[in-house]
Amino acid sequence: MQRRLRDLPSRVGVYFLPAMCLFPEVGHRLVREKMTCGIGSGFLPTPSAK
């Protein structure tokens, strides 16, 4: 059995989808900033364009 090593946990994707629905007028980068503003972006990896 293989396990995938990910930079971002899967629960981030689960929270990201409703956040995109709450803020439809802004892009995905601004939604990510809104989600992580309290944490600080230095602790989280930045997703690539892929």
PDB file of N, CA and C in Angstrom:
ATOM      1  N   MET A   1       0.842  -1.180   0.000  1.00  0.00           N
ATOM      2  CA  MET A   1       0.000   0.000   0.000  1.00  0.00           C
ATOM      3  C   MET A   1       0.884   1.240   0.000  1.00  0.00           C
ATOM      4  N   GLN A   2       0.539   2.193  -0.820  1.00  0.00           N
ATOM      5  CA  GLN A   2       1.304   3.424  -0.929  1.00  0.00           C
ATOM      6  C   GLN A   2       0.530   4.571  -0.299  1.00  0.00           C
ATOM      7  N   ARG A   3       1.261   5.509   0.261  1.00  0.00           N
ATOM      8  CA  ARG A   3       0.652   6.718   0.820  1.00  0.00           C
ATOM      9  C   ARG A   3       1.217   7.917   0.078  1.00  0.00           C
ATOM     10  N   ARG A   4       0.344   8.839  -0.255  1.00  0.00           N
ATOM     11  CA  ARG A   4       0.784  10.048  -0.942  1.00  0.00           C
ATOM     12  C   ARG A   4       1.288  11.059   0.068  1.00  0.00           C
ATOM     13  N   LEU A   5       2.360  11.699  -0.286  1.00  0.00           N
ATOM     14  CA  LEU A   5       2.909  12.768   0.538  1.00  0.00           C
ATOM     15  C   LEU A   5       2.469  14.093  -0.076  1.00  0.00           C
ATOM     16  N   ARG A   6       1.703  14.858   0.675  1.00  0.00           N
ATOM     17  CA  ARG A   6       1.160  16.111   0.155  1.00  0.00           C
ATOM     18  C   ARG A   6       1.650  17.271   0.995  1.00  0.00           C
ATOM     19  N   ASP A   7       1.798  18.404   0.324  1.00  0.00           N
ATOM     20  CA  ASP A   7       2.150  19.626   1.047  1.00  0.00           C
ATOM     21  C   ASP A   7       0.959  20.168   1.821  1.00  0.00           C
ATOM     22  N   LEU A   8      -0.226  20.063   1.226  1.00  0.00           N
ATOM     23  CA  LEU A   8      -1.436  20.558   1.859  1.00  0.00           C
ATOM     24  C   LEU A   8      -2.311  19.375   2.266  1.00  0.00           C
ATOM     25  N   PRO A   9      -2.836  19.360   3.469  1.00  0.00           N
ATOM     26  CA  PRO A   9      -3.734  18.275   3.870  1.00  0.00           C
ATOM     27  C   PRO A   9      -5.044  18.316   3.087  1.00  0.00           C
ATOM     28  N   SER A  10      -5.710  17.190   2.979  1.00  0.00           N
ATOM     29  CA  SER A  10      -6.941  17.114   2.189  1.00  0.00           C
ATOM     30  C   SER A  10      -8.060  17.964   2.787  1.00  0.00           C
ATOM     31  N   ARG A  11      -8.041  18.193   4.088  1.00  0.00           N
ATOM     32  CA  ARG A  11      -9.112  19.006   4.698  1.00  0.00           C
ATOM     33  C   ARG A  11      -9.045  20.454   4.224  1.00  0.00           C
ATOM     34  N   VAL A  12      -7.882  20.897   3.762  1.00  0.00           N
ATOM     35  CA  VAL A  12      -7.781  22.252   3.215  1.00  0.00           C
ATOM     36  C   VAL A  12      -8.642  22.359   1.961  1.00  0.00           C
ATOM     37  N   GLY A  13      -8.625  21.325   1.133  1.00  0.00           N
ATOM     38  CA  GLY A  13      -9.469  21.317  -0.060  1.00  0.00           C
ATOM     39  C   GLY A  13     -10.935  21.290   0.275  1.00  0.00           C
ATOM     40  N   VAL A  14     -11.288  20.595   1.357  1.00  0.00           N
ATOM     41  CA  VAL A  14     -12.686  20.526   1.785  1.00  0.00           C
ATOM     42  C   VAL A  14     -13.170  21.897   2.246  1.00  0.00           C
ATOM     43  N   TYR A  15     -12.350  22.638   2.954  1.00  0.00           N
ATOM     44  CA  TYR A  15     -12.736  23.984   3.406  1.00  0.00           C
ATOM     45  C   TYR A  15     -12.638  25.007   2.283  1.00  0.00           C
ATOM     46  N   PHE A  16     -11.773  24.747   1.311  1.00  0.00           N
ATOM     47  CA  PHE A  16     -11.558  25.698   0.226  1.00  0.00           C
ATOM     48  C   PHE A  16     -12.787  25.804  -0.677  1.00  0.00           C
ATOM     49  N   LEU A  17     -13.455  24.697  -0.937  1.00  0.00           N
ATOM     50  CA  LEU A  17     -14.620  24.710  -1.827  1.00  0.00           C
ATOM     51  C   LEU A  17     -15.759  25.567  -1.289  1.00  0.00           C
ATOM     52  N   PRO A  18     -16.195  25.407  -0.017  1.00  0.00           N
ATOM     53  CA  PRO A  18     -17.238  26.321   0.482  1.00  0.00           C
ATOM     54  C   PRO A  18     -16.774  27.772   0.540  1.00  0.00           C
ATOM     55  N   ALA A  19     -15.485  27.981   0.797  1.00  0.00           N
ATOM     56  CA  ALA A  19     -14.977  29.355   0.820  1.00  0.00           C
ATOM     57  C   ALA A  19     -15.059  29.984  -0.563  1.00  0.00           C
ATOM     58  N   MET A  20     -14.817  29.182  -1.609  1.00  0.00           N
ATOM     59  CA  MET A  20     -14.950  29.711  -2.968  1.00  0.00           C
ATOM     60  C   MET A  20     -16.408  30.076  -3.260  1.00  0.00           C
ATOM     61  N   CYS A  21     -17.359  29.332  -2.675  1.00  0.00           N
ATOM     62  CA  CYS A  21     -18.781  29.648  -2.862  1.00  0.00           C
ATOM     63  C   CYS A  21     -19.181  30.894  -2.083  1.00  0.00           C
ATOM     64  N   LEU A  22     -18.560  31.126  -0.931  1.00  0.00           N
ATOM     65  CA  LEU A  22     -18.881  32.309  -0.134  1.00  0.00           C
ATOM     66  C   LEU A  22     -18.323  33.590  -0.742  1.00  0.00           C
ATOM     67  N   PHE A  23     -17.209  33.474  -1.437  1.00  0.00           N
ATOM     68  CA  PHE A  23     -16.563  34.640  -2.052  1.00  0.00           C
ATOM     69  C   PHE A  23     -16.420  34.422  -3.560  1.00  0.00           C
ATOM     70  N   PRO A  24     -17.532  34.387  -4.305  1.00  0.00           N
ATOM     71  CA  PRO A  24     -17.428  34.083  -5.739  1.00  0.00           C
ATOM     72  C   PRO A  24     -16.813  35.204  -6.570  1.00  0.00           C
ATOM     73  N   GLU A  25     -16.832  36.420  -6.056  1.00  0.00           N
ATOM     74  CA  GLU A  25     -16.348  37.555  -6.855  1.00  0.00           C
ATOM     75  C   GLU A  25     -14.831  37.698  -6.852  1.00  0.00           C
ATOM     76  N   VAL A  26     -14.160  37.039  -5.922  1.00  0.00           N
ATOM     77  CA  VAL A  26     -12.695  37.118  -5.874  1.00  0.00           C
ATOM     78  C   VAL A  26     -12.102  35.815  -6.390  1.00  0.00           C
ATOM     79  N   GLY A  27     -10.857  35.844  -6.758  1.00  0.00           N
ATOM     80  CA  GLY A  27     -10.193  34.658  -7.280  1.00  0.00           C
ATOM     81  C   GLY A  27      -9.754  33.710  -6.177  1.00  0.00           C
ATOM     82  N   HIS A  28      -9.183  32.585  -6.602  1.00  0.00           N
ATOM     83  CA  HIS A  28      -8.779  31.571  -5.634  1.00  0.00           C
ATOM     84  C   HIS A  28      -7.634  32.025  -4.746  1.00  0.00           C
ATOM     85  N   ARG A  29      -6.782  32.912  -5.225  1.00  0.00           N
ATOM     86  CA  ARG A  29      -5.670  33.400  -4.400  1.00  0.00           C
ATOM     87  C   ARG A  29      -6.174  34.261  -3.237  1.00  0.00           C
ATOM     88  N   LEU A  30      -7.149  35.103  -3.513  1.00  0.00           N
ATOM     89  CA  LEU A  30      -7.697  35.942  -2.449  1.00  0.00           C
ATOM     90  C   LEU A  30      -8.501  35.120  -1.444  1.00  0.00           C
ATOM     91  N   VAL A  31      -9.162  34.070  -1.922  1.00  0.00           N
ATOM     92  CA  VAL A  31      -9.883  33.184  -0.994  1.00  0.00           C
ATOM     93  C   VAL A  31      -8.882  32.498  -0.080  1.00  0.00           C
ATOM     94  N   ARG A  32      -7.768  32.060  -0.623  1.00  0.00           N
ATOM     95  CA  ARG A  32      -6.727  31.424   0.197  1.00  0.00           C
ATOM     96  C   ARG A  32      -6.186  32.409   1.229  1.00  0.00           C
ATOM     97  N   GLU A  33      -6.007  33.658   0.831  1.00  0.00           N
ATOM     98  CA  GLU A  33      -5.537  34.670   1.779  1.00  0.00           C
ATOM     99  C   GLU A  33      -6.559  34.901   2.887  1.00  0.00           C
ATOM    100  N   LYS A  34      -7.845  34.907   2.538  1.00  0.00           N
ATOM    101  CA  LYS A  34      -8.887  35.086   3.554  1.00  0.00           C
ATOM    102  C   LYS A  34      -8.906  33.913   4.534  1.00  0.00           C
ATOM    103  N   MET A  35      -8.674  32.702   4.026  1.00  0.00           N
ATOM    104  CA  MET A  35      -8.687  31.517   4.880  1.00  0.00           C
ATOM    105  C   MET A  35      -7.484  31.466   5.814  1.00  0.00           C
ATOM    106  N   THR A  36      -6.362  31.997   5.376  1.00  0.00           N
ATOM    107  CA  THR A  36      -5.123  31.851   6.142  1.00  0.00           C
ATOM    108  C   THR A  36      -4.652  33.148   6.781  1.00  0.00           C
ATOM    109  N   CYS A  37      -5.472  34.190   6.792  1.00  0.00           N
ATOM    110  CA  CYS A  37      -5.020  35.482   7.318  1.00  0.00           C
ATOM    111  C   CYS A  37      -4.675  35.407   8.800  1.00  0.00           C
ATOM    112  N   GLY A  38      -5.357  34.592   9.569  1.00  0.00           N
ATOM    113  CA  GLY A  38      -5.078  34.481  11.000  1.00  0.00           C
ATOM    114  C   GLY A  38      -3.877  33.618  11.315  1.00  0.00           C
ATOM    115  N   ILE A  39      -3.513  32.739  10.391  1.00  0.00           N
ATOM    116  CA  ILE A  39      -2.402  31.815  10.628  1.00  0.00           C
ATOM    117  C   ILE A  39      -1.068  32.446  10.243  1.00  0.00           C
ATOM    118  N   GLY A  40      -1.057  33.183   9.170  1.00  0.00           N
ATOM    119  CA  GLY A  40       0.186  33.714   8.634  1.00  0.00           C
ATOM    120  C   GLY A  40       0.659  32.820   7.511  1.00  0.00           C
ATOM    121  N   SER A  41       0.984  33.370   6.394  1.00  0.00           N
ATOM    122  CA  SER A  41       1.310  32.562   5.208  1.00  0.00           C
ATOM    123  C   SER A  41       2.701  31.941   5.298  1.00  0.00           C
ATOM    124  N   GLY A  42       3.515  32.297   6.253  1.00  0.00           N
ATOM    125  CA  GLY A  42       4.847  31.721   6.365  1.00  0.00           C
ATOM    126  C   GLY A  42       4.838  30.263   6.771  1.00  0.00           C
ATOM    127  N   PHE A  43       3.739  29.807   7.379  1.00  0.00           N
ATOM    128  CA  PHE A  43       3.661  28.427   7.836  1.00  0.00           C
ATOM    129  C   PHE A  43       3.084  27.486   6.801  1.00  0.00           C
ATOM    130  N   LEU A  44       2.366  28.012   5.803  1.00  0.00           N
ATOM    131  CA  LEU A  44       1.695  27.162   4.834  1.00  0.00           C
ATOM    132  C   LEU A  44       2.398  27.212   3.496  1.00  0.00           C
ATOM    133  N   PRO A  45       2.520  26.069   2.803  1.00  0.00           N
ATOM    134  CA  PRO A  45       3.099  26.079   1.463  1.00  0.00           C
ATOM    135  C   PRO A  45       2.141  26.728   0.475  1.00  0.00           C
ATOM    136  N   THR A  46       2.680  27.311  -0.560  1.00  0.00           N
ATOM    137  CA  THR A  46       1.880  27.940  -1.599  1.00  0.00           C
ATOM    138  C   THR A  46       1.605  26.913  -2.687  1.00  0.00           C
ATOM    139  N   PRO A  47       0.346  26.689  -3.074  1.00  0.00           N
ATOM    140  CA  PRO A  47       0.057  25.720  -4.128  1.00  0.00           C
ATOM    141  C   PRO A  47       0.578  26.201  -5.463  1.00  0.00           C
ATOM    142  N   SER A  48       1.001  25.260  -6.284  1.00  0.00           N
ATOM    143  CA  SER A  48       1.512  25.600  -7.607  1.00  0.00           C
ATOM    144  C   SER A  48       0.354  25.749  -8.579  1.00  0.00           C
ATOM    145  N   ALA A  49       0.658  26.167  -9.781  1.00  0.00           N
ATOM    146  CA  ALA A  49      -0.372  26.345 -10.817  1.00  0.00           C
ATOM    147  C   ALA A  49      -0.902  25.009 -11.311  1.00  0.00           C
ATOM    148  N   LYS A  50      -0.182  23.942 -11.094  1.00  0.00           N
ATOM    149  CA  LYS A  50      -0.623  22.618 -11.549  1.00  0.00           C
ATOM    150  C   LYS A  50      -1.743  22.155 -10.682  1.00  0.00           C
TER     151      LYS A  50
END
